[in-house]
Structure formats: structure tokens, C-alpha cells
Amino acid sequence: MTDPATAATLEGRLLAQRKVLARIVAELKSPALDAYLADRDHFEGYDEDPGAVPDDGFSIEGAISDELRLIRELAEAMRAR
């Protein structure tokens, strides 16, 4: 059994979850779900102040946006197959 605390194990589990979520999104073909992902796959937080340095809260929001974009893109690729 693999050590659940290693970075590689955690990354593998997250990638597996992304693939499962993308498959669900692809199979549902829900316009509402597609719109939800499209509306949230980018983050606009500190554009008003170009000198601002993002803090951890912005980093998390950026990571969430990135993940939603990756799920949406993978779902679109699965639908195209």
C-alpha cells in the first residue's frame, strides 16, 4: 500500500478525482453546470491595484479557478471523443 502522505500519492488522488468529475460533467451535458464552470474558471481579485501582492487567500482562489478550468476543459475534450 502506498503512503497516503506523499506528494505523489496526493497528486495522483487529486488527478483521479479531476478525471471522475470531468467524466460526470461530460456525461451530464448540463448547460447550467457548464455555465457554472465557465463563470468560475477565472479569478479577478486584485486587478484594480497592479502593485498589490496576492496573499494566501488569493492563492487559494486562483487554484480553485485553475482547477475548475481544468475540469471544464477535460470534460469538453471527453465530449469531443
PDB file of N, CA and C in Angstrom:
ATOM      1  N   MET A   1       0.840  -1.182   0.000  1.00  0.00           N
ATOM      2  CA  MET A   1       0.000   0.000   0.000  1.00  0.00           C
ATOM      3  C   MET A   1       0.885   1.244   0.000  1.00  0.00           C
ATOM      4  N   THR A   2       0.455   2.278  -0.711  1.00  0.00           N
ATOM      5  CA  THR A   2       1.251   3.498  -0.782  1.00  0.00           C
ATOM      6  C   THR A   2       1.013   4.378   0.439  1.00  0.00           C
ATOM      7  N   ASP A   3       2.037   5.146   0.775  1.00  0.00           N
ATOM      8  CA  ASP A   3       1.943   6.081   1.894  1.00  0.00           C
ATOM      9  C   ASP A   3       0.992   7.213   1.503  1.00  0.00           C
ATOM     10  N   PRO A   4      -0.110   7.411   2.235  1.00  0.00           N
ATOM     11  CA  PRO A   4      -1.092   8.418   1.849  1.00  0.00           C
ATOM     12  C   PRO A   4      -0.599   9.851   2.000  1.00  0.00           C
ATOM     13  N   ALA A   5       0.543  10.050   2.632  1.00  0.00           N
ATOM     14  CA  ALA A   5       1.019  11.399   2.889  1.00  0.00           C
ATOM     15  C   ALA A   5       2.030  11.901   1.864  1.00  0.00           C
ATOM     16  N   THR A   6       2.465  11.069   0.929  1.00  0.00           N
ATOM     17  CA  THR A   6       3.474  11.532  -0.017  1.00  0.00           C
ATOM     18  C   THR A   6       2.852  12.474  -1.043  1.00  0.00           C
ATOM     19  N   ALA A   7       3.661  13.374  -1.544  1.00  0.00           N
ATOM     20  CA  ALA A   7       3.183  14.330  -2.542  1.00  0.00           C
ATOM     21  C   ALA A   7       2.688  13.620  -3.797  1.00  0.00           C
ATOM     22  N   ALA A   8       3.391  12.580  -4.219  1.00  0.00           N
ATOM     23  CA  ALA A   8       2.987  11.855  -5.426  1.00  0.00           C
ATOM     24  C   ALA A   8       1.638  11.168  -5.235  1.00  0.00           C
ATOM     25  N   THR A   9       1.417  10.607  -4.063  1.00  0.00           N
ATOM     26  CA  THR A   9       0.138   9.952  -3.781  1.00  0.00           C
ATOM     27  C   THR A   9      -0.995  10.968  -3.758  1.00  0.00           C
ATOM     28  N   LEU A  10      -0.770  12.094  -3.098  1.00  0.00           N
ATOM     29  CA  LEU A  10      -1.797  13.132  -3.054  1.00  0.00           C
ATOM     30  C   LEU A  10      -2.101  13.669  -4.448  1.00  0.00           C
ATOM     31  N   GLU A  11      -1.061  13.905  -5.231  1.00  0.00           N
ATOM     32  CA  GLU A  11      -1.272  14.393  -6.594  1.00  0.00           C
ATOM     33  C   GLU A  11      -2.043  13.368  -7.423  1.00  0.00           C
ATOM     34  N   GLY A  12      -1.692  12.104  -7.289  1.00  0.00           N
ATOM     35  CA  GLY A  12      -2.398  11.056  -8.022  1.00  0.00           C
ATOM     36  C   GLY A  12      -3.867  10.994  -7.655  1.00  0.00           C
ATOM     37  N   ARG A  13      -4.161  11.137  -6.388  1.00  0.00           N
ATOM     38  CA  ARG A  13      -5.557  11.111  -5.940  1.00  0.00           C
ATOM     39  C   ARG A  13      -6.324  12.315  -6.471  1.00  0.00           C
ATOM     40  N   LEU A  14      -5.697  13.481  -6.441  1.00  0.00           N
ATOM     41  CA  LEU A  14      -6.360  14.674  -6.967  1.00  0.00           C
ATOM     42  C   LEU A  14      -6.608  14.558  -8.469  1.00  0.00           C
ATOM     43  N   LEU A  15      -5.643  14.017  -9.194  1.00  0.00           N
ATOM     44  CA  LEU A  15      -5.827  13.832 -10.635  1.00  0.00           C
ATOM     45  C   LEU A  15      -6.951  12.847 -10.927  1.00  0.00           C
ATOM     46  N   ALA A  16      -7.040  11.786 -10.130  1.00  0.00           N
ATOM     47  CA  ALA A  16      -8.120  10.813 -10.308  1.00  0.00           C
ATOM     48  C   ALA A  16      -9.474  11.470 -10.055  1.00  0.00           C
ATOM     49  N   GLN A  17      -9.556  12.295  -9.027  1.00  0.00           N
ATOM     50  CA  GLN A  17     -10.812  12.987  -8.739  1.00  0.00           C
ATOM     51  C   GLN A  17     -11.176  13.949  -9.861  1.00  0.00           C
ATOM     52  N   ARG A  18     -10.177  14.649 -10.404  1.00  0.00           N
ATOM     53  CA  ARG A  18     -10.438  15.555 -11.525  1.00  0.00           C
ATOM     54  C   ARG A  18     -11.017  14.781 -12.700  1.00  0.00           C
ATOM     55  N   LYS A  19     -10.434  13.625 -12.999  1.00  0.00           N
ATOM     56  CA  LYS A  19     -10.912  12.831 -14.133  1.00  0.00           C
ATOM     57  C   LYS A  19     -12.339  12.341 -13.916  1.00  0.00           C
ATOM     58  N   VAL A  20     -12.643  11.911 -12.698  1.00  0.00           N
ATOM     59  CA  VAL A  20     -14.002  11.442 -12.402  1.00  0.00           C
ATOM     60  C   VAL A  20     -14.993  12.603 -12.505  1.00  0.00           C
ATOM     61  N   LEU A  21     -14.642  13.749 -11.930  1.00  0.00           N
ATOM     62  CA  LEU A  21     -15.531  14.907 -12.014  1.00  0.00           C
ATOM     63  C   LEU A  21     -15.737  15.348 -13.460  1.00  0.00           C
ATOM     64  N   ALA A  22     -14.674  15.361 -14.238  1.00  0.00           N
ATOM     65  CA  ALA A  22     -14.795  15.748 -15.646  1.00  0.00           C
ATOM     66  C   ALA A  22     -15.678  14.767 -16.403  1.00  0.00           C
ATOM     67  N   ARG A  23     -15.562  13.485 -16.111  1.00  0.00           N
ATOM     68  CA  ARG A  23     -16.409  12.478 -16.763  1.00  0.00           C
ATOM     69  C   ARG A  23     -17.874  12.710 -16.409  1.00  0.00           C
ATOM     70  N   ILE A  24     -18.148  13.012 -15.144  1.00  0.00           N
ATOM     71  CA  ILE A  24     -19.521  13.290 -14.722  1.00  0.00           C
ATOM     72  C   ILE A  24     -20.058  14.518 -15.451  1.00  0.00           C
ATOM     73  N   VAL A  25     -19.269  15.583 -15.495  1.00  0.00           N
ATOM     74  CA  VAL A  25     -19.683  16.803 -16.196  1.00  0.00           C
ATOM     75  C   VAL A  25     -19.931  16.506 -17.670  1.00  0.00           C
ATOM     76  N   ALA A  26     -19.041  15.740 -18.284  1.00  0.00           N
ATOM     77  CA  ALA A  26     -19.182  15.409 -19.706  1.00  0.00           C
ATOM     78  C   ALA A  26     -20.449  14.608 -19.960  1.00  0.00           C
ATOM     79  N   GLU A  27     -20.733  13.647 -19.108  1.00  0.00           N
ATOM     80  CA  GLU A  27     -21.900  12.785 -19.300  1.00  0.00           C
ATOM     81  C   GLU A  27     -23.211  13.509 -19.025  1.00  0.00           C
ATOM     82  N   LEU A  28     -23.218  14.416 -18.062  1.00  0.00           N
ATOM     83  CA  LEU A  28     -24.453  15.128 -17.730  1.00  0.00           C
ATOM     84  C   LEU A  28     -24.902  16.071 -18.845  1.00  0.00           C
ATOM     85  N   LYS A  29     -23.934  16.669 -19.539  1.00  0.00           N
ATOM     86  CA  LYS A  29     -24.237  17.625 -20.615  1.00  0.00           C
ATOM     87  C   LYS A  29     -25.245  18.677 -20.153  1.00  0.00           C
ATOM     88  N   SER A  30     -25.018  19.195 -18.966  1.00  0.00           N
ATOM     89  CA  SER A  30     -25.920  20.171 -18.361  1.00  0.00           C
ATOM     90  C   SER A  30     -25.481  21.592 -18.699  1.00  0.00           C
ATOM     91  N   PRO A  31     -26.310  22.348 -19.425  1.00  0.00           N
ATOM     92  CA  PRO A  31     -25.955  23.738 -19.711  1.00  0.00           C
ATOM     93  C   PRO A  31     -25.736  24.561 -18.433  1.00  0.00           C
ATOM     94  N   ALA A  32     -26.517  24.291 -17.402  1.00  0.00           N
ATOM     95  CA  ALA A  32     -26.360  25.036 -16.150  1.00  0.00           C
ATOM     96  C   ALA A  32     -25.011  24.733 -15.492  1.00  0.00           C
ATOM     97  N   LEU A  33     -24.608  23.474 -15.503  1.00  0.00           N
ATOM     98  CA  LEU A  33     -23.316  23.099 -14.927  1.00  0.00           C
ATOM     99  C   LEU A  33     -22.172  23.651 -15.769  1.00  0.00           C
ATOM    100  N   ASP A  34     -22.314  23.595 -17.083  1.00  0.00           N
ATOM    101  CA  ASP A  34     -21.295  24.168 -17.967  1.00  0.00           C
ATOM    102  C   ASP A  34     -21.142  25.668 -17.715  1.00  0.00           C
ATOM    103  N   ALA A  35     -22.264  26.366 -17.551  1.00  0.00           N
ATOM    104  CA  ALA A  35     -22.221  27.808 -17.282  1.00  0.00           C
ATOM    105  C   ALA A  35     -21.577  28.089 -15.928  1.00  0.00           C
ATOM    106  N   TYR A  36     -21.888  27.259 -14.943  1.00  0.00           N
ATOM    107  CA  TYR A  36     -21.291  27.409 -13.616  1.00  0.00           C
ATOM    108  C   TYR A  36     -19.768  27.327 -13.706  1.00  0.00           C
ATOM    109  N   LEU A  37     -19.273  26.317 -14.400  1.00  0.00           N
ATOM    110  CA  LEU A  37     -17.823  26.149 -14.534  1.00  0.00           C
ATOM    111  C   LEU A  37     -17.207  27.296 -15.326  1.00  0.00           C
ATOM    112  N   ALA A  38     -17.859  27.695 -16.411  1.00  0.00           N
ATOM    113  CA  ALA A  38     -17.327  28.777 -17.246  1.00  0.00           C
ATOM    114  C   ALA A  38     -17.265  30.098 -16.478  1.00  0.00           C
ATOM    115  N   ASP A  39     -18.251  30.339 -15.628  1.00  0.00           N
ATOM    116  CA  ASP A  39     -18.289  31.583 -14.856  1.00  0.00           C
ATOM    117  C   ASP A  39     -17.250  31.624 -13.750  1.00  0.00           C
ATOM    118  N   ARG A  40     -16.747  30.465 -13.357  1.00  0.00           N
ATOM    119  CA  ARG A  40     -15.845  30.406 -12.211  1.00  0.00           C
ATOM    120  C   ARG A  40     -14.440  29.919 -12.557  1.00  0.00           C
ATOM    121  N   ASP A  41     -14.137  29.825 -13.837  1.00  0.00           N
ATOM    122  CA  ASP A  41     -12.827  29.278 -14.214  1.00  0.00           C
ATOM    123  C   ASP A  41     -11.763  30.355 -14.387  1.00  0.00           C
ATOM    124  N   HIS A  42     -12.035  31.531 -13.854  1.00  0.00           N
ATOM    125  CA  HIS A  42     -11.049  32.610 -13.854  1.00  0.00           C
ATOM    126  C   HIS A  42     -11.221  33.393 -12.552  1.00  0.00           C
ATOM    127  N   PHE A  43     -10.176  34.056 -12.143  1.00  0.00           N
ATOM    128  CA  PHE A  43     -10.226  34.783 -10.880  1.00  0.00           C
ATOM    129  C   PHE A  43      -9.809  36.215 -11.110  1.00  0.00           C
ATOM    130  N   GLU A  44     -10.649  37.124 -10.656  1.00  0.00           N
ATOM    131  CA  GLU A  44     -10.357  38.550 -10.754  1.00  0.00           C
ATOM    132  C   GLU A  44     -10.382  39.115  -9.344  1.00  0.00           C
ATOM    133  N   GLY A  45      -9.217  39.241  -8.762  1.00  0.00           N
ATOM    134  CA  GLY A  45      -9.212  39.667  -7.376  1.00  0.00           C
ATOM    135  C   GLY A  45      -8.496  40.967  -7.114  1.00  0.00           C
ATOM    136  N   TYR A  46      -7.338  41.138  -7.681  1.00  0.00           N
ATOM    137  CA  TYR A  46      -6.531  42.304  -7.345  1.00  0.00           C
ATOM    138  C   TYR A  46      -6.126  43.069  -8.599  1.00  0.00           C
ATOM    139  N   ASP A  47      -6.962  43.007  -9.626  1.00  0.00           N
ATOM    140  CA  ASP A  47      -6.669  43.713 -10.871  1.00  0.00           C
ATOM    141  C   ASP A  47      -6.703  45.230 -10.692  1.00  0.00           C
ATOM    142  N   GLU A  48      -7.468  45.707  -9.713  1.00  0.00           N
ATOM    143  CA  GLU A  48      -7.609  47.142  -9.523  1.00  0.00           C
ATOM    144  C   GLU A  48      -6.321  47.781  -9.012  1.00  0.00           C
ATOM    145  N   ASP A  49      -5.480  47.017  -8.360  1.00  0.00           N
ATOM    146  CA  ASP A  49      -4.234  47.539  -7.813  1.00  0.00           C
ATOM    147  C   ASP A  49      -3.070  46.730  -8.371  1.00  0.00           C
ATOM    148  N   PRO A  50      -2.470  47.211  -9.475  1.00  0.00           N
ATOM    149  CA  PRO A  50      -1.400  46.434 -10.108  1.00  0.00           C
ATOM    150  C   PRO A  50      -0.188  46.201  -9.216  1.00  0.00           C
ATOM    151  N   GLY A  51      -0.019  46.994  -8.166  1.00  0.00           N
ATOM    152  CA  GLY A  51       1.114  46.807  -7.270  1.00  0.00           C
ATOM    153  C   GLY A  51       0.823  45.877  -6.113  1.00  0.00           C
ATOM    154  N   ALA A  52      -0.411  45.428  -6.017  1.00  0.00           N
ATOM    155  CA  ALA A  52      -0.796  44.569  -4.898  1.00  0.00           C
ATOM    156  C   ALA A  52      -0.136  43.202  -5.017  1.00  0.00           C
ATOM    157  N   VAL A  53       0.236  42.675  -3.878  1.00  0.00           N
ATOM    158  CA  VAL A  53       0.823  41.341  -3.819  1.00  0.00           C
ATOM    159  C   VAL A  53      -0.252  40.390  -3.301  1.00  0.00           C
ATOM    160  N   PRO A  54      -0.586  39.362  -4.074  1.00  0.00           N
ATOM    161  CA  PRO A  54      -1.642  38.452  -3.620  1.00  0.00           C
ATOM    162  C   PRO A  54      -1.236  37.702  -2.354  1.00  0.00           C
ATOM    163  N   ASP A  55      -2.204  37.531  -1.457  1.00  0.00           N
ATOM    164  CA  ASP A  55      -1.929  36.768  -0.239  1.00  0.00           C
ATOM    165  C   ASP A  55      -2.422  35.338  -0.409  1.00  0.00           C
ATOM    166  N   ASP A  56      -2.377  34.568   0.675  1.00  0.00           N
ATOM    167  CA  ASP A  56      -2.773  33.161   0.605  1.00  0.00           C
ATOM    168  C   ASP A  56      -4.213  32.984   0.162  1.00  0.00           C
ATOM    169  N   GLY A  57      -5.099  33.897   0.577  1.00  0.00           N
ATOM    170  CA  GLY A  57      -6.495  33.813   0.164  1.00  0.00           C
ATOM    171  C   GLY A  57      -6.640  33.906  -1.342  1.00  0.00           C
ATOM    172  N   PHE A  58      -5.891  34.811  -1.945  1.00  0.00           N
ATOM    173  CA  PHE A  58      -5.923  34.932  -3.398  1.00  0.00           C
ATOM    174  C   PHE A  58      -5.298  33.712  -4.059  1.00  0.00           C
ATOM    175  N   SER A  59      -4.272  33.159  -3.438  1.00  0.00           N
ATOM    176  CA  SER A  59      -3.632  31.965  -3.996  1.00  0.00           C
ATOM    177  C   SER A  59      -4.605  30.798  -4.032  1.00  0.00           C
ATOM    178  N   ILE A  60      -5.384  30.648  -2.977  1.00  0.00           N
ATOM    179  CA  ILE A  60      -6.369  29.566  -2.934  1.00  0.00           C
ATOM    180  C   ILE A  60      -7.447  29.798  -3.979  1.00  0.00           C
ATOM    181  N   GLU A  61      -7.949  31.018  -4.072  1.00  0.00           N
ATOM    182  CA  GLU A  61      -8.978  31.328  -5.072  1.00  0.00           C
ATOM    183  C   GLU A  61      -8.448  31.101  -6.485  1.00  0.00           C
ATOM    184  N   GLY A  62      -7.206  31.463  -6.717  1.00  0.00           N
ATOM    185  CA  GLY A  62      -6.597  31.217  -8.022  1.00  0.00           C
ATOM    186  C   GLY A  62      -6.487  29.737  -8.326  1.00  0.00           C
ATOM    187  N   ALA A  63      -6.126  28.950  -7.326  1.00  0.00           N
ATOM    188  CA  ALA A  63      -6.021  27.498  -7.512  1.00  0.00           C
ATOM    189  C   ALA A  63      -7.387  26.886  -7.788  1.00  0.00           C
ATOM    190  N   ILE A  64      -8.412  27.378  -7.104  1.00  0.00           N
ATOM    191  CA  ILE A  64      -9.770  26.887  -7.353  1.00  0.00           C
ATOM    192  C   ILE A  64     -10.183  27.202  -8.781  1.00  0.00           C
ATOM    193  N   SER A  65      -9.943  28.422  -9.209  1.00  0.00           N
ATOM    194  CA  SER A  65     -10.278  28.812 -10.582  1.00  0.00           C
ATOM    195  C   SER A  65      -9.543  27.951 -11.596  1.00  0.00           C
ATOM    196  N   ASP A  66      -8.266  27.725 -11.355  1.00  0.00           N
ATOM    197  CA  ASP A  66      -7.478  26.879 -12.260  1.00  0.00           C
ATOM    198  C   ASP A  66      -8.051  25.471 -12.328  1.00  0.00           C
ATOM    199  N   GLU A  67      -8.420  24.919 -11.179  1.00  0.00           N
ATOM    200  CA  GLU A  67      -8.945  23.554 -11.147  1.00  0.00           C
ATOM    201  C   GLU A  67     -10.283  23.459 -11.869  1.00  0.00           C
ATOM    202  N   LEU A  68     -11.150  24.438 -11.673  1.00  0.00           N
ATOM    203  CA  LEU A  68     -12.437  24.434 -12.379  1.00  0.00           C
ATOM    204  C   LEU A  68     -12.233  24.535 -13.887  1.00  0.00           C
ATOM    205  N   ARG A  69     -11.252  25.336 -14.298  1.00  0.00           N
ATOM    206  CA  ARG A  69     -10.943  25.436 -15.731  1.00  0.00           C
ATOM    207  C   ARG A  69     -10.450  24.101 -16.270  1.00  0.00           C
ATOM    208  N   LEU A  70      -9.569  23.445 -15.528  1.00  0.00           N
ATOM    209  CA  LEU A  70      -9.044  22.151 -15.969  1.00  0.00           C
ATOM    210  C   LEU A  70     -10.150  21.100 -16.063  1.00  0.00           C
ATOM    211  N   ILE A  71     -11.063  21.101 -15.104  1.00  0.00           N
ATOM    212  CA  ILE A  71     -12.187  20.158 -15.147  1.00  0.00           C
ATOM    213  C   ILE A  71     -13.054  20.442 -16.365  1.00  0.00           C
ATOM    214  N   ARG A  72     -13.366  21.726 -16.604  1.00  0.00           N
ATOM    215  CA  ARG A  72     -14.193  22.099 -17.761  1.00  0.00           C
ATOM    216  C   ARG A  72     -13.524  21.697 -19.068  1.00  0.00           C
ATOM    217  N   GLU A  73     -12.242  21.988 -19.200  1.00  0.00           N
ATOM    218  CA  GLU A  73     -11.521  21.653 -20.433  1.00  0.00           C
ATOM    219  C   GLU A  73     -11.450  20.145 -20.649  1.00  0.00           C
ATOM    220  N   LEU A  74     -11.222  19.391 -19.595  1.00  0.00           N
ATOM    221  CA  LEU A  74     -11.168  17.937 -19.720  1.00  0.00           C
ATOM    222  C   LEU A  74     -12.541  17.379 -20.090  1.00  0.00           C
ATOM    223  N   ALA A  75     -13.596  17.925 -19.505  1.00  0.00           N
ATOM    224  CA  ALA A  75     -14.953  17.485 -19.845  1.00  0.00           C
ATOM    225  C   ALA A  75     -15.256  17.770 -21.313  1.00  0.00           C
ATOM    226  N   GLU A  76     -14.851  18.939 -21.799  1.00  0.00           N
ATOM    227  CA  GLU A  76     -15.068  19.276 -23.210  1.00  0.00           C
ATOM    228  C   GLU A  76     -14.309  18.316 -24.117  1.00  0.00           C
ATOM    229  N   ALA A  77     -13.087  17.972 -23.740  1.00  0.00           N
ATOM    230  CA  ALA A  77     -12.296  17.027 -24.538  1.00  0.00           C
ATOM    231  C   ALA A  77     -12.941  15.646 -24.538  1.00  0.00           C
ATOM    232  N   MET A  78     -13.485  15.237 -23.405  1.00  0.00           N
ATOM    233  CA  MET A  78     -14.150  13.932 -23.325  1.00  0.00           C
ATOM    234  C   MET A  78     -15.400  13.903 -24.196  1.00  0.00           C
ATOM    235  N   ARG A  79     -16.133  15.002 -24.223  1.00  0.00           N
ATOM    236  CA  ARG A  79     -17.337  15.070 -25.064  1.00  0.00           C
ATOM    237  C   ARG A  79     -16.986  15.003 -26.543  1.00  0.00           C
ATOM    238  N   ALA A  80     -15.837  15.548 -26.899  1.00  0.00           N
ATOM    239  CA  ALA A  80     -15.429  15.604 -28.306  1.00  0.00           C
ATOM    240  C   ALA A  80     -14.974  14.247 -28.838  1.00  0.00           C
ATOM    241  N   ARG A  81     -14.717  13.306 -27.966  1.00  0.00           N
ATOM    242  CA  ARG A  81     -14.238  11.984 -28.398  1.00  0.00           C
ATOM    243  C   ARG A  81     -15.338  11.165 -29.007  1.00  0.00           C
TER     244      ARG A  81
END
